[in-house]
Amino acid sequence: MNETPHNHPPAGSGPTPVNRFTPPSPPTGYTPAQPFVQYQTQGYPPFPSQPLRRPSPTIGQRISKAAESGLIGKILAGVGVAITLAGIVMLLVLAAQAGLLRPEVRVVGGGVLAAALAGLGVWTGRTAERRPGAVALVATGIAGLLFDVLAMSTVYRWLPDIAALIIAGLIAGIGLGIAHRWNSQTLTLMVSIPMLVLAPVVTRGVDEMLIGFLLVYAATTLWIQVGRNWLTVFIVNTAAVMFPSLIFTQTSDQLWLTNGFALAGIAIAIGSSLLLVRSATHPEVVALASGFAAAPMLFAAGSLGAAAPAVLAAGSAMYLVVAFSTTRFVPRAARIMWLGAAIVHLLVAAGYVLDTDYRPSALMVTGLLLAVAAPFAGDLAHGVRVAGTVFSGIGVLALTGDGALHQLLSTQLQSDDGTHASLLVGGLMGLAATALIAWSWADVYPESAPQLTVAGSAVGLWLITTATLASAHLITPDADAAFRAGHAAATITWGVAAAAALLWARRLTGTDRVVALTAGLAVMAAAIAKLFVFDLAALDGIFRVIAFIVVGLILLGLGVSYAAKLGESDTSDTGPHARPAA
């Protein structure tokens, strides 16, 4: 049976079939500039080769949409708040300077206007639809009342400072109560931001009254933020305390008051962040903002004198306590921010705890203590270890710049015994810190132990050289003899340290053996290089002879020792229990 391919009828068997499929017409609205591809395959509808482009909205349409979304109303309300508060400030301050109206009239008039605006806002905000405008009215009224209290206490001196702070706290509490009931972060912000900008105008500068007032306000606004993700309020309140406090620390000569305000600002910021991190979507930002509250203390440390280390240590202790005592309910990222703030305090404190000569030693001792504490720091161990490394590195660089490099290269170092003593102490402290930090990192990253050991050995060589040269200068007053004796002793010390590491490696296995071998070989290679590159040219007489003989004897002893070990291994391989050769 013959079949026609593709079911086409045979030629000449009848009339030609007609294609009854008619392609649909293009959709309405297409122009010739928009080509329309017609597919002749039945079952697939046609579609345009290019997507339709919606026309961009006009300026009028955008303005209309902004008005419908309430954006225009919010902008107008915000501008109205700023202008109204500026008018109240002019009534309280500028009118007094110009002699317009009696003081009682100014204060009462400003208070009545502010209270009326707040009351009108509360009445207007009874329904949720009208609350955007009501928030602006209440914010203006509360801020105006606060400025009225400030004017009565600082401009006219009618209220004692304590009474003014209490009254201001009560007024702020009323506004915050309304914001709490309406769940409005905007209301709180519209009080905080104008206060930050205009309060120094009313107080005629930054003084203790302004700082105390802002501290009370920051503490008062805390309870309303608990359980809410109001990050902006916390940042604004922290800035409202930090910037005036920073100015006050640079202009006030009352050290006890400056320190008190700085510590109080840190305590309020830490306490606030501790309560807010649970409900914040970005707890690390909350903790970081609380860390910036320490800026006034850090910038004022130079004027604190002998009290600087104690005050900075107190600030560091507060951050350390909150970083390590909140493991169960605070995310690690937030606690790392607190740890960073504590470390910055320690770094600044180390710069003031001793004089310039022993400052590198203080930095390296701090790095040593941090390296010791790292294994006990839990999930913050990595941050503590990094901090210890940074402190030790800065200390080594400071030691190098404070005379160690000049001592290494010059035979005519003009320094007293105090400088050499500080170099000796710094070299020994740095050597201990470097060894412990290198071991700590190698324990965490065993796959990188050889590289870490080589890096630590290089730093250790430099510190050993510094310590030996400083010791030679302390022993003899002859600078030339001290230079040559110190370098000879440094070379010998390198060889002894390398030999000790290589001999110790024979007793170890695994990663520990690799670390010890790598360190010993690196130090021995450096000792040999120094012997031929530097000592051969810089040393003369008995010092050169001693260096070459001692290092040569050390190498001979190591060779004999390792050869004996190899012989023992060969004997054990050929004994009665040796494995047969393959």
Protein backbone atom coordinates (compact mmCIF):
# COMPACT_ATOMS: atom_id res chain seq x y z
CA MET A 1 0.00 0.00 0.00
CA ASN A 2 1.47 3.26 -1.11
CA GLU A 3 1.23 6.29 1.15
CA THR A 4 1.75 9.83 0.10
CA PRO A 5 4.39 11.60 2.24
CA HIS A 6 3.06 14.30 4.54
CA ASN A 7 -0.51 13.30 3.64
CA HIS A 8 -0.47 15.53 0.55
CA PRO A 9 -2.78 14.36 -2.21
CA PRO A 10 -1.06 13.05 -5.30
CA ALA A 11 -0.52 15.42 -8.16
CA GLY A 12 -3.39 15.59 -10.57
CA SER A 13 -5.79 13.78 -8.29
CA GLY A 14 -8.02 16.77 -7.78
CA PRO A 15 -8.22 20.53 -7.19
CA THR A 16 -5.49 22.23 -5.18
CA PRO A 17 -6.51 22.54 -1.49
CA VAL A 18 -7.05 26.02 -0.14
CA ASN A 19 -5.45 27.20 3.13
CA ARG A 20 -8.46 28.11 5.22
CA PHE A 21 -6.35 29.67 8.04
CA THR A 22 -6.50 33.43 7.94
CA PRO A 23 -3.92 35.24 10.17
CA PRO A 24 -5.53 37.60 12.64
CA SER A 25 -5.19 41.32 12.18
CA PRO A 26 -2.71 43.31 14.33
CA PRO A 27 -4.08 44.75 17.60
CA THR A 28 -5.57 48.18 17.58
CA GLY A 29 -3.08 50.94 18.24
CA TYR A 30 -0.10 49.58 16.32
CA THR A 31 1.55 51.86 13.79
CA PRO A 32 3.76 50.98 10.83
CA ALA A 33 6.78 51.96 12.98
CA GLN A 34 5.95 48.97 15.14
CA PRO A 35 6.44 45.91 12.91
CA PHE A 36 4.01 43.07 13.38
CA VAL A 37 5.19 39.55 12.66
CA GLN A 38 2.46 37.14 11.54
CA TYR A 39 3.10 33.50 12.15
CA GLN A 40 1.40 31.22 9.64
CA THR A 41 1.51 28.19 11.90
CA GLN A 42 -1.95 27.42 13.17
CA GLY A 43 -2.33 27.46 16.97
CA TYR A 44 0.30 30.13 17.72
CA PRO A 45 -1.15 33.62 18.15
CA PRO A 46 0.85 36.49 16.73
CA PHE A 47 2.75 38.86 19.04
CA PRO A 48 4.66 42.08 18.51
CA SER A 49 8.41 41.89 17.94
CA GLN A 50 8.99 44.74 20.48
CA PRO A 51 7.22 45.26 23.84
CA LEU A 52 4.92 48.17 24.29
CA ARG A 53 6.42 51.21 26.09
CA ARG A 54 4.22 53.01 28.51
CA PRO A 55 4.48 56.77 28.27
CA SER A 56 6.33 58.49 31.14
CA PRO A 57 4.05 60.25 33.59
CA THR A 58 3.89 63.99 33.28
CA ILE A 59 4.87 66.39 36.05
CA GLY A 60 1.23 67.02 36.79
CA GLN A 61 0.55 63.31 37.14
CA ARG A 62 3.50 62.93 39.50
CA ILE A 63 2.34 65.81 41.66
CA SER A 64 -1.15 64.36 41.76
CA LYS A 65 0.18 60.97 42.82
CA ALA A 66 2.32 62.56 45.55
CA ALA A 67 -0.71 64.42 46.83
CA GLU A 68 -2.78 61.22 46.92
CA SER A 69 -0.03 59.36 48.83
CA GLY A 70 0.24 62.12 51.42
CA LEU A 71 3.82 63.12 50.56
CA ILE A 72 2.97 66.73 49.84
CA GLY A 73 1.08 67.02 53.10
CA LYS A 74 4.07 65.64 55.03
CA ILE A 75 6.47 68.06 53.33
CA LEU A 76 4.25 71.05 54.01
CA ALA A 77 3.78 69.96 57.62
CA GLY A 78 7.52 69.55 58.13
CA VAL A 79 8.29 72.98 56.73
CA GLY A 80 5.53 74.42 58.87
CA VAL A 81 7.06 72.86 61.99
CA ALA A 82 10.47 74.37 61.23
CA ILE A 83 9.09 77.83 60.53
CA THR A 84 6.80 77.85 63.58
CA LEU A 85 9.59 76.77 65.91
CA ALA A 86 11.83 79.43 64.44
CA GLY A 87 9.14 81.98 65.21
CA ILE A 88 8.89 80.77 68.82
CA VAL A 89 12.67 81.04 69.19
CA MET A 90 12.55 84.58 67.84
CA LEU A 91 9.81 85.42 70.31
CA LEU A 92 11.83 84.07 73.23
CA VAL A 93 15.32 85.29 72.32
CA LEU A 94 15.40 87.87 69.56
CA ALA A 95 12.50 89.83 70.99
CA ALA A 96 14.35 89.98 74.29
CA GLN A 97 17.46 91.32 72.59
CA ALA A 98 15.42 93.98 70.82
CA GLY A 99 13.51 94.92 73.98
CA LEU A 100 10.11 94.02 72.51
CA LEU A 101 7.39 93.02 74.99
CA ARG A 102 7.92 92.16 78.61
CA PRO A 103 9.64 88.87 79.50
CA GLU A 104 6.47 87.53 81.09
CA VAL A 105 4.51 88.26 77.92
CA ARG A 106 7.08 86.52 75.74
CA VAL A 107 7.25 83.39 77.87
CA VAL A 108 3.51 83.13 78.48
CA GLY A 109 2.71 83.91 74.84
CA GLY A 110 5.13 81.26 73.57
CA GLY A 111 3.81 78.70 76.06
CA VAL A 112 0.15 79.38 75.23
CA LEU A 113 0.82 79.16 71.51
CA ALA A 114 2.74 75.90 71.90
CA ALA A 115 0.13 74.34 74.18
CA ALA A 116 -2.66 75.37 71.81
CA LEU A 117 -0.89 73.74 68.89
CA ALA A 118 -0.33 70.54 70.86
CA GLY A 119 -3.96 70.42 72.00
CA LEU A 120 -5.22 71.05 68.50
CA GLY A 121 -3.02 68.22 67.24
CA VAL A 122 -4.38 65.78 69.84
CA TRP A 123 -7.95 66.73 68.97
CA THR A 124 -7.26 66.44 65.23
CA GLY A 125 -5.56 63.07 65.57
CA ARG A 126 -8.58 61.29 67.02
CA THR A 127 -8.98 59.54 63.67
CA ALA A 128 -6.16 57.72 61.91
CA GLU A 129 -6.82 59.48 58.60
CA ARG A 130 -5.92 62.90 60.03
CA ARG A 131 -2.88 61.88 62.05
CA PRO A 132 -0.18 62.92 59.54
CA GLY A 133 -1.20 66.55 60.01
CA ALA A 134 -1.91 66.02 63.71
CA VAL A 135 1.62 64.70 64.23
CA ALA A 136 3.04 67.96 62.89
CA LEU A 137 0.85 70.02 65.22
CA VAL A 138 1.73 67.98 68.31
CA ALA A 139 5.45 68.00 67.45
CA THR A 140 5.43 71.78 67.05
CA GLY A 141 3.62 72.28 70.32
CA ILE A 142 5.87 69.95 72.34
CA ALA A 143 9.05 71.44 70.89
CA GLY A 144 7.76 74.96 71.56
CA LEU A 145 7.05 74.08 75.21
CA LEU A 146 10.54 72.63 75.58
CA PHE A 147 12.09 75.80 74.21
CA ASP A 148 9.93 77.81 76.57
CA VAL A 149 11.37 75.88 79.53
CA LEU A 150 14.89 76.36 78.25
CA ALA A 151 14.31 80.11 77.90
CA MET A 152 12.98 80.37 81.46
CA SER A 153 16.05 78.58 82.82
CA THR A 154 18.89 79.93 80.68
CA VAL A 155 17.73 83.29 79.30
CA TYR A 156 15.66 84.70 82.16
CA ARG A 157 17.03 82.52 85.00
CA TRP A 158 13.59 81.98 86.50
CA LEU A 159 14.04 78.24 87.00
CA PRO A 160 16.91 76.37 88.63
CA ASP A 161 18.67 73.88 86.42
CA ILE A 162 17.24 70.84 88.20
CA ALA A 163 13.69 72.16 88.02
CA ALA A 164 14.10 72.97 84.34
CA LEU A 165 15.32 69.46 83.60
CA ILE A 166 12.41 67.88 85.48
CA ILE A 167 9.81 70.04 83.73
CA ALA A 168 11.42 69.40 80.34
CA GLY A 169 11.36 65.66 80.99
CA LEU A 170 7.66 65.80 81.87
CA ILE A 171 6.81 67.75 78.71
CA ALA A 172 8.82 65.37 76.57
CA GLY A 173 7.07 62.46 78.28
CA ILE A 174 3.67 63.87 77.26
CA GLY A 175 4.74 64.10 73.65
CA LEU A 176 6.22 60.65 73.72
CA GLY A 177 3.06 59.27 75.27
CA ILE A 178 1.11 60.58 72.32
CA ALA A 179 3.69 59.14 69.92
CA HIS A 180 3.49 55.81 71.72
CA ARG A 181 -0.28 55.70 71.44
CA TRP A 182 -0.20 56.65 67.78
CA ASN A 183 2.83 54.41 67.10
CA SER A 184 4.44 57.32 65.28
CA GLN A 185 8.19 57.46 64.82
CA THR A 186 7.68 60.65 62.85
CA LEU A 187 6.33 62.49 65.89
CA THR A 188 9.41 61.61 67.91
CA LEU A 189 11.72 62.67 65.10
CA MET A 190 9.93 65.96 64.58
CA VAL A 191 10.69 66.83 68.20
CA SER A 192 14.27 65.55 68.30
CA ILE A 193 15.60 67.12 65.11
CA PRO A 194 14.40 70.71 65.76
CA MET A 195 15.70 70.43 69.31
CA LEU A 196 19.14 69.42 68.07
CA VAL A 197 19.27 72.40 65.71
CA LEU A 198 17.57 75.14 67.75
CA ALA A 199 18.36 74.29 71.39
CA PRO A 200 21.89 75.79 71.23
CA VAL A 201 20.29 79.00 69.92
CA VAL A 202 18.12 79.28 73.01
CA THR A 203 20.96 78.42 75.41
CA ARG A 204 23.27 80.82 73.53
CA GLY A 205 25.90 78.16 73.03
CA VAL A 206 26.85 74.74 74.33
CA ASP A 207 27.04 74.62 78.11
CA GLU A 208 26.41 72.15 80.90
CA MET A 209 22.69 73.02 80.94
CA LEU A 210 22.28 72.03 77.29
CA ILE A 211 24.23 68.78 77.71
CA GLY A 212 22.27 67.79 80.79
CA PHE A 213 18.99 68.60 79.06
CA LEU A 214 19.86 66.47 76.03
CA LEU A 215 20.98 63.58 78.23
CA VAL A 216 17.67 63.63 80.03
CA TYR A 217 15.79 63.77 76.76
CA ALA A 218 17.74 60.81 75.32
CA ALA A 219 16.98 58.76 78.43
CA THR A 220 13.32 59.82 78.37
CA THR A 221 12.81 58.72 74.78
CA LEU A 222 14.15 55.24 75.44
CA TRP A 223 11.01 53.55 76.73
CA ILE A 224 8.99 54.46 73.67
CA GLN A 225 11.50 52.74 71.38
CA VAL A 226 11.53 49.40 73.18
CA GLY A 227 9.86 46.72 71.06
CA ARG A 228 9.85 48.90 67.95
CA ASN A 229 12.19 49.08 64.99
CA TRP A 230 12.84 52.80 65.36
CA LEU A 231 16.48 52.91 64.33
CA THR A 232 16.27 56.49 63.08
CA VAL A 233 15.09 57.78 66.46
CA PHE A 234 17.99 56.11 68.24
CA ILE A 235 20.56 57.49 65.79
CA VAL A 236 19.13 61.02 66.02
CA ASN A 237 19.05 60.94 69.83
CA THR A 238 22.61 59.62 69.98
CA ALA A 239 23.78 62.36 67.63
CA ALA A 240 21.84 64.96 69.65
CA VAL A 241 23.94 64.05 72.69
CA MET A 242 27.24 63.29 70.97
CA PHE A 243 27.83 66.45 68.93
CA PRO A 244 27.13 69.01 71.68
CA SER A 245 29.14 66.89 74.14
CA LEU A 246 32.01 66.83 71.69
CA ILE A 247 31.96 70.62 71.48
CA PHE A 248 31.68 70.91 75.26
CA THR A 249 34.76 68.75 75.84
CA GLN A 250 36.81 71.08 73.67
CA THR A 251 35.59 74.32 75.24
CA SER A 252 35.09 73.52 78.94
CA ASP A 253 37.88 73.50 81.52
CA GLN A 254 35.82 71.60 84.12
CA LEU A 255 37.40 68.18 83.73
CA TRP A 256 35.20 66.38 86.24
CA LEU A 257 32.06 67.68 84.54
CA THR A 258 33.38 66.80 81.10
CA ASN A 259 34.25 63.26 82.18
CA GLY A 260 30.89 62.85 83.90
CA PHE A 261 28.93 63.92 80.83
CA ALA A 262 31.04 61.69 78.57
CA LEU A 263 30.56 58.61 80.76
CA ALA A 264 26.86 59.36 81.16
CA GLY A 265 26.46 59.61 77.38
CA ILE A 266 28.18 56.24 76.92
CA ALA A 267 26.06 54.61 79.62
CA ILE A 268 22.80 55.91 78.11
CA ALA A 269 23.82 54.87 74.59
CA ILE A 270 24.87 51.36 75.71
CA GLY A 271 21.74 50.86 77.81
CA SER A 272 19.52 52.07 74.99
CA SER A 273 21.17 49.86 72.39
CA LEU A 274 20.98 46.87 74.72
CA LEU A 275 17.19 47.26 74.91
CA LEU A 276 16.72 48.00 71.21
CA VAL A 277 18.81 45.32 69.49
CA ARG A 278 16.14 42.66 70.00
CA SER A 279 13.52 44.49 67.95
CA ALA A 280 15.89 46.06 65.40
CA THR A 281 16.17 44.61 61.92
CA HIS A 282 19.81 45.73 61.86
CA PRO A 283 21.13 45.26 65.41
CA GLU A 284 24.71 45.82 64.31
CA VAL A 285 23.80 49.36 63.22
CA VAL A 286 22.28 50.03 66.65
CA ALA A 287 25.45 48.81 68.37
CA LEU A 288 27.63 50.83 65.99
CA ALA A 289 25.65 53.99 66.74
CA SER A 290 26.13 53.41 70.47
CA GLY A 291 29.86 53.11 69.84
CA PHE A 292 29.94 56.61 68.37
CA ALA A 293 28.70 57.94 71.70
CA ALA A 294 32.27 57.53 72.96
CA ALA A 295 33.61 60.15 70.54
CA PRO A 296 33.55 63.02 73.09
CA MET A 297 35.65 61.04 75.56
CA LEU A 298 38.15 59.95 72.93
CA PHE A 299 38.64 63.48 71.63
CA ALA A 300 38.91 64.93 75.14
CA ALA A 301 41.50 62.42 76.33
CA GLY A 302 44.35 64.78 75.56
CA SER A 303 43.06 67.39 78.01
CA LEU A 304 42.32 64.96 80.84
CA GLY A 305 45.90 64.73 82.03
CA ALA A 306 46.67 61.94 84.49
CA ALA A 307 43.00 60.94 84.61
CA ALA A 308 42.89 59.98 80.92
CA PRO A 309 43.85 56.29 81.30
CA ALA A 310 41.36 55.72 84.13
CA VAL A 311 38.48 57.43 82.31
CA LEU A 312 39.23 55.61 79.05
CA ALA A 313 39.52 52.30 80.90
CA ALA A 314 36.10 52.92 82.47
CA GLY A 315 34.58 53.51 79.03
CA SER A 316 36.27 50.40 77.65
CA ALA A 317 35.03 48.34 80.59
CA MET A 318 31.42 49.31 79.89
CA TYR A 319 31.65 48.17 76.28
CA LEU A 320 33.47 44.97 77.23
CA VAL A 321 30.85 44.05 79.83
CA VAL A 322 27.97 44.48 77.42
CA ALA A 323 29.86 42.62 74.65
CA PHE A 324 30.60 39.51 76.71
CA SER A 325 27.56 39.38 79.00
CA THR A 326 24.87 39.38 76.30
CA THR A 327 25.83 36.22 74.42
CA ARG A 328 22.44 34.57 74.81
CA PHE A 329 20.16 37.24 73.38
CA VAL A 330 22.27 39.68 71.32
CA PRO A 331 23.53 38.74 67.82
CA ARG A 332 27.25 38.32 67.35
CA ALA A 333 27.46 41.15 64.81
CA ALA A 334 26.20 43.67 67.39
CA ARG A 335 28.58 42.42 70.07
CA ILE A 336 31.49 42.74 67.65
CA MET A 337 30.64 46.44 67.32
CA TRP A 338 30.77 46.85 71.10
CA LEU A 339 34.04 44.95 71.20
CA GLY A 340 35.46 47.30 68.57
CA ALA A 341 34.48 50.34 70.64
CA ALA A 342 36.18 48.83 73.71
CA ILE A 343 39.34 48.13 71.72
CA VAL A 344 39.48 51.72 70.45
CA HIS A 345 39.28 52.90 74.07
CA LEU A 346 42.12 50.57 75.00
CA LEU A 347 44.22 51.79 72.10
CA VAL A 348 43.82 55.43 73.12
CA ALA A 349 44.37 54.58 76.79
CA ALA A 350 47.60 52.75 75.96
CA GLY A 351 48.85 55.95 74.40
CA TYR A 352 48.36 57.90 77.63
CA VAL A 353 49.21 55.34 80.31
CA LEU A 354 53.01 55.82 79.94
CA ASP A 355 55.35 58.42 78.54
CA THR A 356 56.50 58.49 74.93
CA ASP A 357 59.47 56.14 75.39
CA TYR A 358 57.40 53.32 76.90
CA ARG A 359 54.30 53.80 74.77
CA PRO A 360 55.25 50.97 72.36
CA SER A 361 55.70 48.66 75.36
CA ALA A 362 52.20 49.53 76.60
CA LEU A 363 50.73 48.74 73.19
CA MET A 364 52.49 45.39 72.98
CA VAL A 365 51.54 44.45 76.54
CA THR A 366 47.92 45.17 75.63
CA GLY A 367 48.29 42.99 72.53
CA LEU A 368 49.80 40.24 74.67
CA LEU A 369 46.89 40.35 77.12
CA LEU A 370 44.37 40.25 74.28
CA ALA A 371 46.13 37.24 72.76
CA VAL A 372 45.99 35.49 76.13
CA ALA A 373 42.27 36.28 76.45
CA ALA A 374 41.34 35.19 72.91
CA PRO A 375 40.85 31.45 73.68
CA PHE A 376 38.40 32.37 76.45
CA ALA A 377 36.37 34.88 74.40
CA GLY A 378 33.86 32.40 72.95
CA ASP A 379 32.42 33.46 69.62
CA LEU A 380 34.29 36.77 69.86
CA ALA A 381 37.67 35.02 69.96
CA HIS A 382 38.44 35.94 66.36
CA GLY A 383 37.82 39.64 67.02
CA VAL A 384 39.94 39.60 70.18
CA ARG A 385 42.74 37.82 68.33
CA VAL A 386 42.63 40.39 65.53
CA ALA A 387 42.72 43.18 68.11
CA GLY A 388 45.76 41.65 69.78
CA THR A 389 47.50 41.40 66.43
CA VAL A 390 46.70 45.03 65.63
CA PHE A 391 47.94 46.27 69.00
CA SER A 392 51.17 44.29 68.73
CA GLY A 393 51.74 45.43 65.15
CA ILE A 394 51.25 49.08 66.05
CA GLY A 395 53.59 48.60 69.01
CA VAL A 396 56.32 47.10 66.82
CA LEU A 397 55.99 49.95 64.32
CA ALA A 398 56.10 52.52 67.13
CA LEU A 399 59.18 50.84 68.62
CA THR A 400 60.87 50.92 65.22
CA GLY A 401 60.19 54.61 64.81
CA ASP A 402 61.17 55.52 68.38
CA GLY A 403 64.82 54.53 67.98
CA ALA A 404 65.10 50.82 67.18
CA LEU A 405 65.85 51.38 63.49
CA HIS A 406 68.38 54.11 64.22
CA GLN A 407 70.00 51.89 66.84
CA LEU A 408 70.34 49.10 64.28
CA LEU A 409 72.09 51.16 61.59
CA SER A 410 74.04 53.86 63.41
CA THR A 411 77.18 53.54 65.47
CA GLN A 412 76.73 57.02 66.91
CA LEU A 413 73.33 56.82 68.57
CA GLN A 414 72.87 59.82 70.82
CA SER A 415 70.45 58.51 73.43
CA ASP A 416 70.36 58.21 77.16
CA ASP A 417 69.95 55.03 79.18
CA GLY A 418 66.21 55.63 79.44
CA THR A 419 65.78 55.28 75.70
CA HIS A 420 67.79 52.04 75.57
CA ALA A 421 65.90 50.68 78.57
CA SER A 422 62.58 51.37 76.86
CA LEU A 423 63.85 49.66 73.69
CA LEU A 424 64.91 46.64 75.74
CA VAL A 425 61.54 46.40 77.50
CA GLY A 426 59.67 46.94 74.25
CA GLY A 427 61.70 44.28 72.46
CA LEU A 428 61.07 41.69 75.16
CA MET A 429 57.35 42.48 75.42
CA GLY A 430 57.00 42.43 71.65
CA LEU A 431 58.81 39.11 71.43
CA ALA A 432 56.43 37.51 73.91
CA ALA A 433 53.38 39.00 72.17
CA THR A 434 54.59 37.94 68.72
CA ALA A 435 55.25 34.37 69.81
CA LEU A 436 51.86 34.00 71.46
CA ILE A 437 49.94 35.62 68.59
CA ALA A 438 51.71 33.50 65.95
CA TRP A 439 50.94 30.35 67.94
CA SER A 440 47.32 31.43 68.38
CA TRP A 441 46.75 31.97 64.65
CA ALA A 442 48.57 28.74 63.78
CA ASP A 443 46.32 26.85 66.19
CA VAL A 444 43.20 28.23 64.51
CA TYR A 445 44.47 27.82 60.93
CA PRO A 446 46.79 24.76 61.01
CA GLU A 447 46.91 24.60 57.21
CA SER A 448 48.66 28.01 57.22
CA ALA A 449 50.91 27.25 60.19
CA PRO A 450 54.20 27.31 58.20
CA GLN A 451 53.48 30.71 56.68
CA LEU A 452 52.34 32.15 60.01
CA THR A 453 55.43 30.76 61.73
CA VAL A 454 57.75 32.28 59.16
CA ALA A 455 56.05 35.68 59.54
CA GLY A 456 56.25 35.49 63.32
CA SER A 457 59.89 34.42 63.14
CA ALA A 458 60.75 37.44 60.98
CA VAL A 459 59.17 39.83 63.48
CA GLY A 460 60.82 37.95 66.33
CA LEU A 461 64.26 38.34 64.74
CA TRP A 462 63.78 42.07 64.55
CA LEU A 463 62.71 42.28 68.19
CA ILE A 464 65.59 40.06 69.36
CA THR A 465 68.03 42.32 67.52
CA THR A 466 66.50 45.39 69.13
CA ALA A 467 66.70 43.87 72.60
CA THR A 468 70.32 42.70 72.24
CA LEU A 469 71.53 46.03 70.85
CA ALA A 470 69.73 47.90 73.64
CA SER A 471 71.32 45.59 76.21
CA ALA A 472 74.78 46.23 74.77
CA HIS A 473 74.27 50.00 74.96
CA LEU A 474 73.16 49.67 78.57
CA ILE A 475 76.21 47.57 79.47
CA THR A 476 78.89 49.77 77.93
CA PRO A 477 78.93 53.53 77.33
CA ASP A 478 81.14 53.10 74.23
CA ALA A 479 78.73 53.42 71.30
CA ASP A 480 81.04 51.69 68.78
CA ALA A 481 81.74 48.74 71.05
CA ALA A 482 78.06 48.47 71.95
CA PHE A 483 77.10 48.46 68.26
CA ARG A 484 79.53 45.64 67.37
CA ALA A 485 78.88 43.61 70.50
CA GLY A 486 75.15 43.95 70.09
CA HIS A 487 75.15 42.74 66.50
CA ALA A 488 77.43 39.82 67.34
CA ALA A 489 75.15 38.86 70.22
CA ALA A 490 72.09 39.20 67.96
CA THR A 491 73.56 36.84 65.38
CA ILE A 492 74.46 34.30 68.04
CA THR A 493 71.02 34.63 69.61
CA TRP A 494 69.41 33.94 66.24
CA GLY A 495 71.49 30.79 65.88
CA VAL A 496 70.70 29.59 69.41
CA ALA A 497 66.97 30.19 68.92
CA ALA A 498 67.02 28.34 65.61
CA ALA A 499 68.90 25.43 67.13
CA ALA A 500 66.46 25.20 70.02
CA ALA A 501 63.51 25.13 67.61
CA LEU A 502 65.10 22.46 65.42
CA LEU A 503 65.99 20.25 68.38
CA TRP A 504 62.53 20.68 69.84
CA ALA A 505 60.98 19.68 66.52
CA ARG A 506 62.52 16.21 66.89
CA ARG A 507 60.19 15.52 69.81
CA LEU A 508 57.03 16.64 68.01
CA THR A 509 54.75 15.13 65.41
CA GLY A 510 52.23 16.34 62.89
CA THR A 511 51.47 20.04 62.51
CA ASP A 512 53.47 21.02 65.59
CA ARG A 513 56.59 19.45 64.09
CA VAL A 514 56.05 21.29 60.81
CA VAL A 515 55.68 24.60 62.64
CA ALA A 516 58.82 24.12 64.75
CA LEU A 517 60.91 22.95 61.78
CA THR A 518 59.75 25.83 59.59
CA ALA A 519 60.51 28.41 62.27
CA GLY A 520 63.91 26.93 63.09
CA LEU A 521 65.05 26.70 59.49
CA ALA A 522 63.82 30.24 58.72
CA VAL A 523 65.67 31.72 61.69
CA MET A 524 68.86 29.76 60.96
CA ALA A 525 68.79 30.88 57.30
CA ALA A 526 68.41 34.48 58.46
CA ALA A 527 71.30 34.10 60.92
CA ILE A 528 73.62 32.74 58.22
CA ALA A 529 72.57 35.50 55.81
CA LYS A 530 73.21 38.17 58.44
CA LEU A 531 76.57 36.63 59.24
CA PHE A 532 77.86 36.94 55.68
CA VAL A 533 75.96 39.97 54.42
CA PHE A 534 76.12 42.34 57.41
CA ASP A 535 78.46 41.08 60.11
CA LEU A 536 81.33 40.36 57.77
CA ALA A 537 81.38 43.99 56.68
CA ALA A 538 80.20 45.84 59.80
CA LEU A 539 82.02 43.91 62.54
CA ASP A 540 85.73 43.69 63.10
CA GLY A 541 88.18 42.17 65.51
CA ILE A 542 87.08 39.82 68.18
CA PHE A 543 83.34 40.37 67.64
CA ARG A 544 83.46 39.03 64.07
CA VAL A 545 85.53 36.04 65.18
CA ILE A 546 83.17 35.19 68.02
CA ALA A 547 80.09 35.44 65.79
CA PHE A 548 81.53 33.15 63.11
CA ILE A 549 82.90 30.55 65.54
CA VAL A 550 79.75 30.32 67.68
CA VAL A 551 77.35 30.09 64.72
CA GLY A 552 79.63 27.50 63.07
CA LEU A 553 79.69 25.39 66.23
CA ILE A 554 75.90 25.58 66.46
CA LEU A 555 75.55 24.35 62.90
CA LEU A 556 78.02 21.53 63.54
CA GLY A 557 76.13 20.44 66.63
CA LEU A 558 72.84 20.44 64.75
CA GLY A 559 74.37 18.41 61.94
CA VAL A 560 75.73 15.81 64.33
CA SER A 561 72.44 15.61 66.20
CA TYR A 562 70.32 15.15 63.08
CA ALA A 563 72.83 12.68 61.64
CA ALA A 564 72.60 10.59 64.83
CA LYS A 565 68.82 10.68 64.59
CA LEU A 566 69.01 9.55 60.97
CA GLY A 567 71.39 6.72 61.95
CA GLU A 568 69.01 5.53 64.63
CA SER A 569 66.22 5.52 62.06
CA ASP A 570 68.33 3.49 59.62
CA THR A 571 69.27 0.97 62.35
CA SER A 572 65.64 0.49 63.32
CA ASP A 573 64.77 -0.09 59.67
CA THR A 574 67.35 -2.96 59.35
CA GLY A 575 66.59 -4.64 62.69
CA PRO A 576 64.89 -8.04 63.21
CA HIS A 577 61.44 -6.46 63.00
CA ALA A 578 62.16 -4.40 59.91
CA ARG A 579 59.81 -4.68 57.02
CA PRO A 580 61.09 -6.55 53.96
CA ALA A 581 62.15 -4.44 51.04
CA ALA A 582 59.56 -3.93 48.43
